[in-house]
PDB file of N, CA and C in Angstrom:
ATOM      1  N   UNK A   1       0.852   9.214 -16.050  1.00  0.00           N
ATOM      2  CA  UNK A   1       1.387   8.794 -17.291  1.00  0.00           C
ATOM      3  C   UNK A   1       2.884   9.233 -17.322  1.00  0.00           C
ATOM      4  N   UNK A   2       3.809   8.322 -17.462  1.00  0.00           N
ATOM      5  CA  UNK A   2       5.178   8.595 -17.520  1.00  0.00           C
ATOM      6  C   UNK A   2       5.765   8.072 -18.878  1.00  0.00           C
ATOM      7  N   UNK A   3       6.823   8.744 -19.335  1.00  0.00           N
ATOM      8  CA  UNK A   3       7.458   8.342 -20.554  1.00  0.00           C
ATOM      9  C   UNK A   3       8.724   7.644 -20.171  1.00  0.00           C
ATOM     10  N   UNK A   4       8.788   6.337 -20.457  1.00  0.00           N
ATOM     11  CA  UNK A   4       9.946   5.572 -20.032  1.00  0.00           C
ATOM     12  C   UNK A   4      11.216   5.827 -20.881  1.00  0.00           C
ATOM     13  N   UNK A   5      11.055   6.359 -22.056  1.00  0.00           N
ATOM     14  CA  UNK A   5      12.178   6.681 -22.960  1.00  0.00           C
ATOM     15  C   UNK A   5      12.824   8.046 -22.654  1.00  0.00           C
ATOM     16  N   UNK A   6      11.971   8.966 -22.068  1.00  0.00           N
ATOM     17  CA  UNK A   6      12.468  10.345 -21.873  1.00  0.00           C
ATOM     18  C   UNK A   6      12.243  10.690 -20.350  1.00  0.00           C
ATOM     19  N   UNK A   7      13.268  10.490 -19.481  1.00  0.00           N
ATOM     20  CA  UNK A   7      13.077  10.663 -18.070  1.00  0.00           C
ATOM     21  C   UNK A   7      12.847  12.192 -17.707  1.00  0.00           C
ATOM     22  N   UNK A   8      13.074  13.102 -18.606  1.00  0.00           N
ATOM     23  CA  UNK A   8      12.828  14.514 -18.358  1.00  0.00           C
ATOM     24  C   UNK A   8      11.409  15.000 -18.777  1.00  0.00           C
ATOM     25  N   UNK A   9      10.667  14.085 -19.445  1.00  0.00           N
ATOM     26  CA  UNK A   9       9.295  14.468 -19.810  1.00  0.00           C
ATOM     27  C   UNK A   9       8.454  14.566 -18.613  1.00  0.00           C
ATOM     28  N   UNK A  10       7.505  15.540 -18.523  1.00  0.00           N
ATOM     29  CA  UNK A  10       6.712  15.731 -17.349  1.00  0.00           C
ATOM     30  C   UNK A  10       5.667  14.575 -17.211  1.00  0.00           C
ATOM     31  N   UNK A  11       5.259  14.347 -16.033  1.00  0.00           N
ATOM     32  CA  UNK A  11       4.232  13.358 -15.736  1.00  0.00           C
ATOM     33  C   UNK A  11       2.870  13.976 -16.051  1.00  0.00           C
ATOM     34  N   UNK A  12       2.073  13.280 -16.760  1.00  0.00           N
ATOM     35  CA  UNK A  12       0.748  13.802 -17.183  1.00  0.00           C
ATOM     36  C   UNK A  12      -0.332  12.807 -16.916  1.00  0.00           C
ATOM     37  N   UNK A  13      -1.577  13.308 -16.704  1.00  0.00           N
ATOM     38  CA  UNK A  13      -2.729  12.371 -16.677  1.00  0.00           C
ATOM     39  C   UNK A  13      -2.950  11.931 -18.153  1.00  0.00           C
ATOM     40  N   UNK A  14      -3.725  10.886 -18.286  1.00  0.00           N
ATOM     41  CA  UNK A  14      -3.962  10.388 -19.670  1.00  0.00           C
ATOM     42  C   UNK A  14      -4.727  11.458 -20.444  1.00  0.00           C
ATOM     43  N   UNK A  15      -5.677  12.148 -19.837  1.00  0.00           N
ATOM     44  CA  UNK A  15      -6.428  13.257 -20.484  1.00  0.00           C
ATOM     45  C   UNK A  15      -5.447  14.381 -20.917  1.00  0.00           C
ATOM     46  N   UNK A  16      -4.591  14.777 -20.036  1.00  0.00           N
ATOM     47  CA  UNK A  16      -3.664  15.878 -20.395  1.00  0.00           C
ATOM     48  C   UNK A  16      -2.718  15.455 -21.448  1.00  0.00           C
ATOM     49  N   UNK A  17      -2.290  14.232 -21.421  1.00  0.00           N
ATOM     50  CA  UNK A  17      -1.375  13.673 -22.512  1.00  0.00           C
ATOM     51  C   UNK A  17      -2.087  13.811 -23.861  1.00  0.00           C
ATOM     52  N   UNK A  18      -3.292  13.332 -23.939  1.00  0.00           N
ATOM     53  CA  UNK A  18      -4.044  13.348 -25.209  1.00  0.00           C
ATOM     54  C   UNK A  18      -4.279  14.760 -25.658  1.00  0.00           C
ATOM     55  N   UNK A  19      -4.544  15.705 -24.732  1.00  0.00           N
ATOM     56  CA  UNK A  19      -4.778  17.097 -25.082  1.00  0.00           C
ATOM     57  C   UNK A  19      -3.486  17.801 -25.545  1.00  0.00           C
ATOM     58  N   UNK A  20      -2.350  17.463 -24.867  1.00  0.00           N
ATOM     59  CA  UNK A  20      -1.078  18.073 -25.190  1.00  0.00           C
ATOM     60  C   UNK A  20      -0.501  17.576 -26.495  1.00  0.00           C
ATOM     61  N   UNK A  21      -0.530  16.252 -26.705  1.00  0.00           N
ATOM     62  CA  UNK A  21       0.114  15.668 -27.857  1.00  0.00           C
ATOM     63  C   UNK A  21      -0.862  15.309 -28.994  1.00  0.00           C
ATOM     64  N   UNK A  22      -2.123  15.392 -28.727  1.00  0.00           N
ATOM     65  CA  UNK A  22      -3.145  15.074 -29.762  1.00  0.00           C
ATOM     66  C   UNK A  22      -3.234  13.630 -30.148  1.00  0.00           C
ATOM     67  N   UNK A  23      -2.748  12.752 -29.270  1.00  0.00           N
ATOM     68  CA  UNK A  23      -2.801  11.272 -29.509  1.00  0.00           C
ATOM     69  C   UNK A  23      -2.817  10.581 -28.180  1.00  0.00           C
ATOM     70  N   UNK A  24      -3.269   9.318 -28.248  1.00  0.00           N
ATOM     71  CA  UNK A  24      -3.254   8.517 -26.991  1.00  0.00           C
ATOM     72  C   UNK A  24      -1.820   7.983 -26.766  1.00  0.00           C
ATOM     73  N   UNK A  25      -1.463   7.741 -25.488  1.00  0.00           N
ATOM     74  CA  UNK A  25      -0.178   7.185 -25.173  1.00  0.00           C
ATOM     75  C   UNK A  25       0.006   5.770 -25.718  1.00  0.00           C
ATOM     76  N   UNK A  26       1.173   5.422 -26.054  1.00  0.00           N
ATOM     77  CA  UNK A  26       1.509   4.078 -26.591  1.00  0.00           C
ATOM     78  C   UNK A  26       2.264   3.233 -25.625  1.00  0.00           C
ATOM     79  N   UNK A  27       1.967   1.977 -25.652  1.00  0.00           N
ATOM     80  CA  UNK A  27       2.734   1.018 -24.808  1.00  0.00           C
ATOM     81  C   UNK A  27       3.852   0.433 -25.670  1.00  0.00           C
ATOM     82  N   UNK A  28       4.924   0.077 -25.237  1.00  0.00           N
ATOM     83  CA  UNK A  28       5.397   0.047 -23.857  1.00  0.00           C
ATOM     84  C   UNK A  28       6.113   1.335 -23.442  1.00  0.00           C
ATOM     85  N   UNK A  29       6.199   2.305 -24.320  1.00  0.00           N
ATOM     86  CA  UNK A  29       6.898   3.576 -24.020  1.00  0.00           C
ATOM     87  C   UNK A  29       6.239   4.323 -22.882  1.00  0.00           C
ATOM     88  N   UNK A  30       4.930   4.409 -22.846  1.00  0.00           N
ATOM     89  CA  UNK A  30       4.218   5.177 -21.867  1.00  0.00           C
ATOM     90  C   UNK A  30       3.525   4.239 -20.884  1.00  0.00           C
ATOM     91  N   UNK A  31       3.613   4.537 -19.618  1.00  0.00           N
ATOM     92  CA  UNK A  31       3.039   3.714 -18.571  1.00  0.00           C
ATOM     93  C   UNK A  31       2.162   4.604 -17.646  1.00  0.00           C
ATOM     94  N   UNK A  32       1.074   4.053 -17.198  1.00  0.00           N
ATOM     95  CA  UNK A  32       0.210   4.718 -16.269  1.00  0.00           C
ATOM     96  C   UNK A  32       0.603   4.206 -14.932  1.00  0.00           C
ATOM     97  N   UNK A  33       0.822   5.136 -13.984  1.00  0.00           N
ATOM     98  CA  UNK A  33       1.205   4.725 -12.604  1.00  0.00           C
ATOM     99  C   UNK A  33       0.036   5.007 -11.702  1.00  0.00           C
ATOM    100  N   UNK A  34      -0.047   4.172 -10.690  1.00  0.00           N
ATOM    101  CA  UNK A  34      -1.081   4.305  -9.646  1.00  0.00           C
ATOM    102  C   UNK A  34      -0.340   4.466  -8.309  1.00  0.00           C
ATOM    103  N   UNK A  35      -0.370   5.691  -7.773  1.00  0.00           N
ATOM    104  CA  UNK A  35       0.293   5.919  -6.478  1.00  0.00           C
ATOM    105  C   UNK A  35      -0.714   6.232  -5.422  1.00  0.00           C
ATOM    106  N   UNK A  36      -0.550   5.629  -4.300  1.00  0.00           N
ATOM    107  CA  UNK A  36      -1.366   5.947  -3.196  1.00  0.00           C
ATOM    108  C   UNK A  36      -0.699   6.965  -2.298  1.00  0.00           C
ATOM    109  N   UNK A  37      -1.298   8.105  -2.158  1.00  0.00           N
ATOM    110  CA  UNK A  37      -0.759   9.225  -1.381  1.00  0.00           C
ATOM    111  C   UNK A  37      -1.700   9.530  -0.225  1.00  0.00           C
ATOM    112  N   UNK A  38      -1.135   9.669   0.951  1.00  0.00           N
ATOM    113  CA  UNK A  38      -1.842  10.066   2.201  1.00  0.00           C
ATOM    114  C   UNK A  38      -1.339  11.311   2.728  1.00  0.00           C
ATOM    115  N   UNK A  39      -2.058  11.904   3.612  1.00  0.00           N
ATOM    116  CA  UNK A  39      -1.521  13.103   4.323  1.00  0.00           C
ATOM    117  C   UNK A  39      -1.003  12.653   5.706  1.00  0.00           C
ATOM    118  N   UNK A  40       0.190  13.045   6.005  1.00  0.00           N
ATOM    119  CA  UNK A  40       0.794  12.639   7.327  1.00  0.00           C
ATOM    120  C   UNK A  40       0.076  13.433   8.447  1.00  0.00           C
ATOM    121  N   UNK A  41      -0.319  12.730   9.458  1.00  0.00           N
ATOM    122  CA  UNK A  41      -0.933  13.344  10.592  1.00  0.00           C
ATOM    123  C   UNK A  41       0.014  14.211  11.419  1.00  0.00           C
ATOM    124  N   UNK A  42       1.312  14.023  11.274  1.00  0.00           N
ATOM    125  CA  UNK A  42       2.334  14.801  11.985  1.00  0.00           C
ATOM    126  C   UNK A  42       2.440  16.220  11.426  1.00  0.00           C
ATOM    127  N   UNK A  43       2.744  16.342  10.095  1.00  0.00           N
ATOM    128  CA  UNK A  43       3.020  17.664   9.544  1.00  0.00           C
ATOM    129  C   UNK A  43       2.052  18.018   8.347  1.00  0.00           C
ATOM    130  N   UNK A  44       1.081  17.198   8.080  1.00  0.00           N
ATOM    131  CA  UNK A  44       0.036  17.401   7.018  1.00  0.00           C
ATOM    132  C   UNK A  44       0.647  17.472   5.629  1.00  0.00           C
ATOM    133  N   UNK A  45       1.813  16.834   5.429  1.00  0.00           N
ATOM    134  CA  UNK A  45       2.456  16.745   4.156  1.00  0.00           C
ATOM    135  C   UNK A  45       2.068  15.470   3.439  1.00  0.00           C
ATOM    136  N   UNK A  46       1.990  15.445   2.060  1.00  0.00           N
ATOM    137  CA  UNK A  46       1.696  14.208   1.381  1.00  0.00           C
ATOM    138  C   UNK A  46       2.828  13.220   1.507  1.00  0.00           C
ATOM    139  N   UNK A  47       2.518  11.951   1.707  1.00  0.00           N
ATOM    140  CA  UNK A  47       3.444  10.896   1.790  1.00  0.00           C
ATOM    141  C   UNK A  47       2.924   9.651   1.086  1.00  0.00           C
ATOM    142  N   UNK A  48       3.794   8.749   0.661  1.00  0.00           N
ATOM    143  CA  UNK A  48       3.397   7.500   0.025  1.00  0.00           C
ATOM    144  C   UNK A  48       2.786   6.625   1.112  1.00  0.00           C
ATOM    145  N   UNK A  49       1.847   5.802   0.711  1.00  0.00           N
ATOM    146  CA  UNK A  49       1.252   4.861   1.682  1.00  0.00           C
ATOM    147  C   UNK A  49       2.346   3.934   2.271  1.00  0.00           C
ATOM    148  N   UNK A  50       3.325   3.533   1.489  1.00  0.00           N
ATOM    149  CA  UNK A  50       4.369   2.643   1.961  1.00  0.00           C
ATOM    150  C   UNK A  50       5.218   3.273   3.076  1.00  0.00           C
ATOM    151  N   UNK A  51       5.240   4.644   3.089  1.00  0.00           N
ATOM    152  CA  UNK A  51       6.031   5.316   4.109  1.00  0.00           C
ATOM    153  C   UNK A  51       5.396   5.301   5.506  1.00  0.00           C
ATOM    154  N   UNK A  52       4.153   5.009   5.587  1.00  0.00           N
ATOM    155  CA  UNK A  52       3.408   5.073   6.844  1.00  0.00           C
ATOM    156  C   UNK A  52       4.016   4.076   7.929  1.00  0.00           C
ATOM    157  N   UNK A  53       4.587   2.976   7.427  1.00  0.00           N
ATOM    158  CA  UNK A  53       5.130   1.994   8.334  1.00  0.00           C
ATOM    159  C   UNK A  53       6.311   2.496   9.154  1.00  0.00           C
ATOM    160  N   UNK A  54       6.940   3.556   8.661  1.00  0.00           N
ATOM    161  CA  UNK A  54       8.075   4.138   9.379  1.00  0.00           C
ATOM    162  C   UNK A  54       7.655   5.101  10.470  1.00  0.00           C
ATOM    163  N   UNK A  55       6.410   5.510  10.470  1.00  0.00           N
ATOM    164  CA  UNK A  55       5.902   6.479  11.420  1.00  0.00           C
ATOM    165  C   UNK A  55       5.684   5.777  12.778  1.00  0.00           C
ATOM    166  N   UNK A  56       6.117   6.320  13.888  1.00  0.00           N
ATOM    167  CA  UNK A  56       5.909   5.732  15.186  1.00  0.00           C
ATOM    168  C   UNK A  56       4.441   5.661  15.661  1.00  0.00           C
ATOM    169  N   UNK A  57       3.642   6.540  15.028  1.00  0.00           N
ATOM    170  CA  UNK A  57       2.183   6.597  15.377  1.00  0.00           C
ATOM    171  C   UNK A  57       1.325   5.694  14.547  1.00  0.00           C
ATOM    172  N   UNK A  58       1.924   5.077  13.522  1.00  0.00           N
ATOM    173  CA  UNK A  58       1.146   4.180  12.637  1.00  0.00           C
ATOM    174  C   UNK A  58       0.762   2.904  13.358  1.00  0.00           C
ATOM    175  N   UNK A  59      -0.550   2.564  13.240  1.00  0.00           N
ATOM    176  CA  UNK A  59      -1.054   1.359  13.873  1.00  0.00           C
ATOM    177  C   UNK A  59      -1.232   0.249  12.817  1.00  0.00           C
ATOM    178  N   UNK A  60      -2.072   0.480  11.826  1.00  0.00           N
ATOM    179  CA  UNK A  60      -2.276  -0.471  10.714  1.00  0.00           C
ATOM    180  C   UNK A  60      -3.104   0.227   9.617  1.00  0.00           C
ATOM    181  N   UNK A  61      -3.137  -0.482   8.509  1.00  0.00           N
ATOM    182  CA  UNK A  61      -3.926  -0.035   7.366  1.00  0.00           C
ATOM    183  C   UNK A  61      -4.929  -1.115   7.059  1.00  0.00           C
ATOM    184  N   UNK A  62      -6.159  -0.707   6.899  1.00  0.00           N
ATOM    185  CA  UNK A  62      -7.258  -1.601   6.592  1.00  0.00           C
ATOM    186  C   UNK A  62      -8.038  -1.024   5.409  1.00  0.00           C
ATOM    187  N   UNK A  63      -7.870  -1.690   4.232  1.00  0.00           N
ATOM    188  CA  UNK A  63      -8.549  -1.113   3.018  1.00  0.00           C
ATOM    189  C   UNK A  63      -7.907   0.175   2.647  1.00  0.00           C
ATOM    190  N   UNK A  64      -8.759   1.200   2.534  1.00  0.00           N
ATOM    191  CA  UNK A  64      -8.290   2.542   2.137  1.00  0.00           C
ATOM    192  C   UNK A  64      -8.064   3.474   3.337  1.00  0.00           C
ATOM    193  N   UNK A  65      -8.050   2.920   4.552  1.00  0.00           N
ATOM    194  CA  UNK A  65      -7.896   3.780   5.757  1.00  0.00           C
ATOM    195  C   UNK A  65      -6.625   3.359   6.465  1.00  0.00           C
ATOM    196  N   UNK A  66      -5.807   4.414   6.831  1.00  0.00           N
ATOM    197  CA  UNK A  66      -4.641   4.148   7.712  1.00  0.00           C
ATOM    198  C   UNK A  66      -4.967   4.662   9.115  1.00  0.00           C
ATOM    199  N   UNK A  67      -4.651   3.857  10.089  1.00  0.00           N
ATOM    200  CA  UNK A  67      -4.931   4.190  11.469  1.00  0.00           C
ATOM    201  C   UNK A  67      -3.651   4.617  12.154  1.00  0.00           C
ATOM    202  N   UNK A  68      -3.715   5.702  12.934  1.00  0.00           N
ATOM    203  CA  UNK A  68      -2.551   6.229  13.696  1.00  0.00           C
ATOM    204  C   UNK A  68      -2.962   6.520  15.171  1.00  0.00           C
ATOM    205  N   UNK A  69      -2.046   6.419  16.047  1.00  0.00           N
ATOM    206  CA  UNK A  69      -2.257   6.772  17.465  1.00  0.00           C
ATOM    207  C   UNK A  69      -2.390   8.258  17.534  1.00  0.00           C
ATOM    208  N   UNK A  70      -3.111   8.763  18.469  1.00  0.00           N
ATOM    209  CA  UNK A  70      -3.263  10.225  18.689  1.00  0.00           C
ATOM    210  C   UNK A  70      -1.912  10.847  19.133  1.00  0.00           C
ATOM    211  N   UNK A  71      -1.139  10.181  19.997  1.00  0.00           N
ATOM    212  CA  UNK A  71       0.156  10.681  20.445  1.00  0.00           C
ATOM    213  C   UNK A  71       1.201   9.677  20.136  1.00  0.00           C
ATOM    214  N   UNK A  72       2.454  10.127  20.000  1.00  0.00           N
ATOM    215  CA  UNK A  72       3.548   9.257  19.744  1.00  0.00           C
ATOM    216  C   UNK A  72       3.815   8.379  21.012  1.00  0.00           C
ATOM    217  N   UNK A  73       4.134   7.070  20.781  1.00  0.00           N
ATOM    218  CA  UNK A  73       4.446   6.230  21.949  1.00  0.00           C
ATOM    219  C   UNK A  73       5.806   6.684  22.509  1.00  0.00           C
ATOM    220  N   UNK A  74       5.920   6.538  23.824  1.00  0.00           N
ATOM    221  CA  UNK A  74       7.134   6.994  24.502  1.00  0.00           C
ATOM    222  C   UNK A  74       8.202   5.899  24.445  1.00  0.00           C
TER     223      UNK A  74
END
């Protein structure tokens, strides 16, 4: 959940928003975001799914699974 009118407001889940503010989020001010985050096989850090295409080990993505080569191509 993000607040489009206040860029400094923290990102919250819908449940946390309702608990914190005592009300449901309102549209169009508040939006729910859906981000796909994967763990990079190189350094085990979280990355966006769209960033996988820049990895030299990336082969393809099929459904909810991203396939990578075991070793970097030379």
